[in-house]
Amino acid sequence: MGPVRFTAQEEYGLRCMLQLARRAPTPAESLSMAEIAEAESLTPAYVAKLLRTLRTAGLVDATRGQKGGYRLTRPAAEVSVGEVLVALGGRLYTPEFCARHPGNDASCVHSTDCSIRSLWGRVDGLVHSVLDRTMLSDLAAAHAPPAPTPLPVVRSSSAR
């Protein structure tokens, strides 16, 4: 497993989801692929790939036509960051990791007494417990532009 790293696909896919959460918050609103690509400085082809993955996972829906575009299938408050990242790249650690990396033998020599496997499983569980409790709406609100500050009322000295 190594250090915890997120792929470009996970990063940019999550950013596309945040664009939808911020700029198309209701099912009646949508964003075009070009709008998302421009907002995130990504190519339309890459955004199309990301949105296709997110659509397959049931996280976004697409409508064709003049007023078409992409939108979240559920409110941002009901979509967890963990769910998005799993759809884009999978979990950090799965038990299949050991089967893919057995060393020189056909199966891992530590298949019954591996203390490392339980560590990676706990790390994955802890990371995903945070990601699963963090909703898109939490991130969208955290980076929303601040509300304008009212200007102070200035009274002239001649008005007294």
C-alpha atoms as a PDB file:
ATOM      1  CA  MET A   1       0.000   0.000   0.000  1.00  0.00           C
ATOM      2  CA  GLY A   2       2.754   2.467   0.867  1.00  0.00           C
ATOM      3  CA  PRO A   3       1.991   6.056   1.755  1.00  0.00           C
ATOM      4  CA  VAL A   4      -1.587   7.178   1.357  1.00  0.00           C
ATOM      5  CA  ARG A   5      -1.899   8.808  -2.054  1.00  0.00           C
ATOM      6  CA  PHE A   6      -4.804   9.908  -4.140  1.00  0.00           C
ATOM      7  CA  THR A   7      -4.739   9.687  -7.907  1.00  0.00           C
ATOM      8  CA  ALA A   8      -5.266  12.577 -10.292  1.00  0.00           C
ATOM      9  CA  GLN A   9      -8.541  10.928 -11.310  1.00  0.00           C
ATOM     10  CA  GLU A  10      -9.762  11.000  -7.704  1.00  0.00           C
ATOM     11  CA  GLU A  11      -8.654  14.609  -7.177  1.00  0.00           C
ATOM     12  CA  TYR A  12     -10.125  15.980 -10.396  1.00  0.00           C
ATOM     13  CA  GLY A  13     -13.261  13.853 -10.188  1.00  0.00           C
ATOM     14  CA  LEU A  14     -13.931  15.168  -6.690  1.00  0.00           C
ATOM     15  CA  ARG A  15     -13.346  18.717  -7.935  1.00  0.00           C
ATOM     16  CA  CYS A  16     -15.906  18.149 -10.731  1.00  0.00           C
ATOM     17  CA  MET A  17     -18.392  16.892  -8.140  1.00  0.00           C
ATOM     18  CA  LEU A  18     -17.789  20.018  -6.055  1.00  0.00           C
ATOM     19  CA  GLN A  19     -18.476  22.209  -9.088  1.00  0.00           C
ATOM     20  CA  LEU A  20     -21.831  20.473  -9.427  1.00  0.00           C
ATOM     21  CA  ALA A  21     -22.526  20.791  -5.694  1.00  0.00           C
ATOM     22  CA  ARG A  22     -21.784  24.520  -5.717  1.00  0.00           C
ATOM     23  CA  ARG A  23     -23.145  25.648  -9.070  1.00  0.00           C
ATOM     24  CA  ALA A  24     -25.989  23.207  -9.790  1.00  0.00           C
ATOM     25  CA  PRO A  25     -27.372  22.431  -6.343  1.00  0.00           C
ATOM     26  CA  THR A  26     -30.890  21.409  -7.379  1.00  0.00           C
ATOM     27  CA  PRO A  27     -32.019  18.635  -9.756  1.00  0.00           C
ATOM     28  CA  ALA A  28     -33.464  21.284 -12.083  1.00  0.00           C
ATOM     29  CA  GLU A  29     -30.032  22.887 -12.556  1.00  0.00           C
ATOM     30  CA  SER A  30     -27.130  21.413 -14.451  1.00  0.00           C
ATOM     31  CA  LEU A  31     -23.682  22.313 -15.753  1.00  0.00           C
ATOM     32  CA  SER A  32     -22.307  21.519 -19.153  1.00  0.00           C
ATOM     33  CA  MET A  33     -19.137  19.522 -19.499  1.00  0.00           C
ATOM     34  CA  ALA A  34     -17.503  22.634 -21.002  1.00  0.00           C
ATOM     35  CA  GLU A  35     -18.470  24.747 -17.968  1.00  0.00           C
ATOM     36  CA  ILE A  36     -16.986  22.194 -15.583  1.00  0.00           C
ATOM     37  CA  ALA A  37     -13.831  21.853 -17.703  1.00  0.00           C
ATOM     38  CA  GLU A  38     -13.343  25.615 -17.826  1.00  0.00           C
ATOM     39  CA  ALA A  39     -13.933  26.070 -14.086  1.00  0.00           C
ATOM     40  CA  GLU A  40     -11.353  23.393 -13.255  1.00  0.00           C
ATOM     41  CA  SER A  41      -8.875  24.148 -16.085  1.00  0.00           C
ATOM     42  CA  LEU A  42      -9.210  20.613 -17.429  1.00  0.00           C
ATOM     43  CA  THR A  43      -9.693  19.372 -20.961  1.00  0.00           C
ATOM     44  CA  PRO A  44     -13.279  18.576 -21.956  1.00  0.00           C
ATOM     45  CA  ALA A  45     -12.151  15.049 -22.916  1.00  0.00           C
ATOM     46  CA  TYR A  46     -10.780  14.392 -19.418  1.00  0.00           C
ATOM     47  CA  VAL A  47     -13.895  15.817 -17.767  1.00  0.00           C
ATOM     48  CA  ALA A  48     -16.004  13.580 -20.024  1.00  0.00           C
ATOM     49  CA  LYS A  49     -14.031  10.551 -18.811  1.00  0.00           C
ATOM     50  CA  LEU A  50     -14.474  11.553 -15.161  1.00  0.00           C
ATOM     51  CA  LEU A  51     -18.186  12.248 -15.566  1.00  0.00           C
ATOM     52  CA  ARG A  52     -18.669   8.927 -17.353  1.00  0.00           C
ATOM     53  CA  THR A  53     -17.126   7.141 -14.355  1.00  0.00           C
ATOM     54  CA  LEU A  54     -19.256   9.139 -11.916  1.00  0.00           C
ATOM     55  CA  ARG A  55     -22.362   8.479 -13.984  1.00  0.00           C
ATOM     56  CA  THR A  56     -21.685   4.725 -14.035  1.00  0.00           C
ATOM     57  CA  ALA A  57     -21.424   4.880 -10.237  1.00  0.00           C
ATOM     58  CA  GLY A  58     -24.834   6.588 -10.078  1.00  0.00           C
ATOM     59  CA  LEU A  59     -23.468   9.838  -8.634  1.00  0.00           C
ATOM     60  CA  VAL A  60     -24.271  12.126 -11.566  1.00  0.00           C
ATOM     61  CA  ASP A  61     -26.930  12.175 -14.226  1.00  0.00           C
ATOM     62  CA  ALA A  62     -26.776  13.671 -17.701  1.00  0.00           C
ATOM     63  CA  THR A  63     -29.388  15.311 -19.857  1.00  0.00           C
ATOM     64  CA  ARG A  64     -28.852  15.873 -23.570  1.00  0.00           C
ATOM     65  CA  GLY A  65     -29.894  18.894 -25.547  1.00  0.00           C
ATOM     66  CA  GLN A  66     -29.742  22.679 -25.458  1.00  0.00           C
ATOM     67  CA  LYS A  67     -30.526  22.898 -21.745  1.00  0.00           C
ATOM     68  CA  GLY A  68     -28.769  19.646 -20.928  1.00  0.00           C
ATOM     69  CA  GLY A  69     -25.796  19.031 -18.753  1.00  0.00           C
ATOM     70  CA  TYR A  70     -24.694  17.169 -15.660  1.00  0.00           C
ATOM     71  CA  ARG A  71     -26.121  17.254 -12.162  1.00  0.00           C
ATOM     72  CA  LEU A  72     -25.850  15.308  -8.929  1.00  0.00           C
ATOM     73  CA  THR A  73     -28.324  12.452  -8.568  1.00  0.00           C
ATOM     74  CA  ARG A  74     -28.795  13.291  -4.879  1.00  0.00           C
ATOM     75  CA  PRO A  75     -28.406  16.453  -2.804  1.00  0.00           C
ATOM     76  CA  ALA A  76     -24.777  17.240  -1.945  1.00  0.00           C
ATOM     77  CA  ALA A  77     -25.604  16.694   1.741  1.00  0.00           C
ATOM     78  CA  GLU A  78     -26.307  13.025   0.924  1.00  0.00           C
ATOM     79  CA  VAL A  79     -23.144  12.269  -1.098  1.00  0.00           C
ATOM     80  CA  SER A  80     -20.029  11.398   0.895  1.00  0.00           C
ATOM     81  CA  VAL A  81     -16.495  12.146  -0.226  1.00  0.00           C
ATOM     82  CA  GLY A  82     -15.671   8.494   0.499  1.00  0.00           C
ATOM     83  CA  GLU A  83     -18.361   7.341  -1.922  1.00  0.00           C
ATOM     84  CA  VAL A  84     -16.975   9.627  -4.650  1.00  0.00           C
ATOM     85  CA  LEU A  85     -13.369   8.509  -4.136  1.00  0.00           C
ATOM     86  CA  VAL A  86     -14.303   4.823  -4.145  1.00  0.00           C
ATOM     87  CA  ALA A  87     -16.194   5.334  -7.417  1.00  0.00           C
ATOM     88  CA  LEU A  88     -13.178   7.064  -8.968  1.00  0.00           C
ATOM     89  CA  GLY A  89     -10.402   4.814  -7.735  1.00  0.00           C
ATOM     90  CA  GLY A  90     -11.397   2.280  -5.109  1.00  0.00           C
ATOM     91  CA  ARG A  91     -10.414   1.937  -1.494  1.00  0.00           C
ATOM     92  CA  LEU A  92      -6.926   2.562  -0.165  1.00  0.00           C
ATOM     93  CA  TYR A  93      -6.483  -1.065   0.882  1.00  0.00           C
ATOM     94  CA  THR A  94      -8.415  -4.203   0.050  1.00  0.00           C
ATOM     95  CA  PRO A  95      -7.680  -7.789   1.084  1.00  0.00           C
ATOM     96  CA  GLU A  96      -6.990  -8.557  -2.592  1.00  0.00           C
ATOM     97  CA  PHE A  97      -3.807  -6.483  -2.275  1.00  0.00           C
ATOM     98  CA  CYS A  98      -2.033  -9.464  -0.722  1.00  0.00           C
ATOM     99  CA  ALA A  99      -3.068 -11.757  -3.571  1.00  0.00           C
ATOM    100  CA  ARG A 100      -1.636  -9.299  -6.103  1.00  0.00           C
ATOM    101  CA  HIS A 101       1.690  -8.927  -4.264  1.00  0.00           C
ATOM    102  CA  PRO A 102       2.744 -12.358  -2.976  1.00  0.00           C
ATOM    103  CA  GLY A 103       6.482 -11.913  -3.502  1.00  0.00           C
ATOM    104  CA  ASN A 104       8.337 -14.703  -5.307  1.00  0.00           C
ATOM    105  CA  ASP A 105       5.825 -17.396  -4.366  1.00  0.00           C
ATOM    106  CA  ALA A 106       2.374 -18.076  -5.781  1.00  0.00           C
ATOM    107  CA  SER A 107       0.802 -16.938  -2.497  1.00  0.00           C
ATOM    108  CA  CYS A 108       1.974 -14.735   0.335  1.00  0.00           C
ATOM    109  CA  VAL A 109       4.117 -16.494   2.918  1.00  0.00           C
ATOM    110  CA  HIS A 110       2.291 -14.509   5.603  1.00  0.00           C
ATOM    111  CA  SER A 111      -1.237 -15.525   4.629  1.00  0.00           C
ATOM    112  CA  THR A 112      -2.112 -16.701   8.146  1.00  0.00           C
ATOM    113  CA  ASP A 113       0.072 -14.570  10.417  1.00  0.00           C
ATOM    114  CA  CYS A 114       0.298 -11.159   8.751  1.00  0.00           C
ATOM    115  CA  SER A 115       0.383  -8.286  11.217  1.00  0.00           C
ATOM    116  CA  ILE A 116       0.906  -5.766   8.409  1.00  0.00           C
ATOM    117  CA  ARG A 117      -2.372  -6.678   6.685  1.00  0.00           C
ATOM    118  CA  SER A 118      -4.343  -5.861   9.822  1.00  0.00           C
ATOM    119  CA  LEU A 119      -2.521  -2.528  10.094  1.00  0.00           C
ATOM    120  CA  TRP A 120      -3.401  -1.539   6.506  1.00  0.00           C
ATOM    121  CA  GLY A 121      -6.978  -2.653   7.097  1.00  0.00           C
ATOM    122  CA  ARG A 122      -7.228  -0.431  10.197  1.00  0.00           C
ATOM    123  CA  VAL A 123      -5.647   2.530   8.370  1.00  0.00           C
ATOM    124  CA  ASP A 124      -8.106   2.094   5.490  1.00  0.00           C
ATOM    125  CA  GLY A 125     -10.999   1.885   7.946  1.00  0.00           C
ATOM    126  CA  LEU A 126      -9.951   5.053   9.765  1.00  0.00           C
ATOM    127  CA  VAL A 127      -9.392   7.059   6.581  1.00  0.00           C
ATOM    128  CA  HIS A 128     -12.706   5.971   5.112  1.00  0.00           C
ATOM    129  CA  SER A 129     -14.572   6.657   8.344  1.00  0.00           C
ATOM    130  CA  VAL A 130     -13.543  10.316   7.953  1.00  0.00           C
ATOM    131  CA  LEU A 131     -14.217  10.378   4.203  1.00  0.00           C
ATOM    132  CA  ASP A 132     -17.602   8.687   4.626  1.00  0.00           C
ATOM    133  CA  ARG A 133     -18.675  11.258   7.238  1.00  0.00           C
ATOM    134  CA  THR A 134     -17.608  14.196   5.059  1.00  0.00           C
ATOM    135  CA  MET A 135     -20.317  15.217   2.626  1.00  0.00           C
ATOM    136  CA  LEU A 136     -19.909  17.174  -0.599  1.00  0.00           C
ATOM    137  CA  SER A 137     -21.987  19.927   0.987  1.00  0.00           C
ATOM    138  CA  ASP A 138     -19.400  20.218   3.798  1.00  0.00           C
ATOM    139  CA  LEU A 139     -16.622  20.874   1.292  1.00  0.00           C
ATOM    140  CA  ALA A 140     -18.761  23.114  -0.894  1.00  0.00           C
ATOM    141  CA  ALA A 141     -19.698  25.271   2.105  1.00  0.00           C
ATOM    142  CA  ALA A 142     -16.128  25.388   3.406  1.00  0.00           C
ATOM    143  CA  HIS A 143     -14.923  27.000   0.192  1.00  0.00           C
ATOM    144  CA  ALA A 144     -17.922  29.104  -0.650  1.00  0.00           C
ATOM    145  CA  PRO A 145     -17.128  32.769  -1.182  1.00  0.00           C
ATOM    146  CA  PRO A 146     -17.646  34.766   1.995  1.00  0.00           C
ATOM    147  CA  ALA A 147     -20.798  36.776   2.341  1.00  0.00           C
ATOM    148  CA  PRO A 148     -20.241  40.435   1.547  1.00  0.00           C
ATOM    149  CA  THR A 149     -19.453  42.524   4.567  1.00  0.00           C
ATOM    150  CA  PRO A 150     -21.863  45.427   4.983  1.00  0.00           C
ATOM    151  CA  LEU A 151     -20.215  48.795   4.582  1.00  0.00           C
ATOM    152  CA  PRO A 152     -20.100  50.881   7.735  1.00  0.00           C
ATOM    153  CA  VAL A 153     -22.392  53.860   7.857  1.00  0.00           C
ATOM    154  CA  VAL A 154     -20.311  57.012   7.733  1.00  0.00           C
ATOM    155  CA  ARG A 155     -21.912  60.118   9.130  1.00  0.00           C
ATOM    156  CA  SER A 156     -20.564  63.430   8.091  1.00  0.00           C
ATOM    157  CA  SER A 157     -19.705  65.895  10.796  1.00  0.00           C
ATOM    158  CA  SER A 158     -21.881  68.560   9.150  1.00  0.00           C
ATOM    159  CA  ALA A 159     -25.027  66.472   9.652  1.00  0.00           C
ATOM    160  CA  ARG A 160     -25.094  67.078  13.407  1.00  0.00           C
END
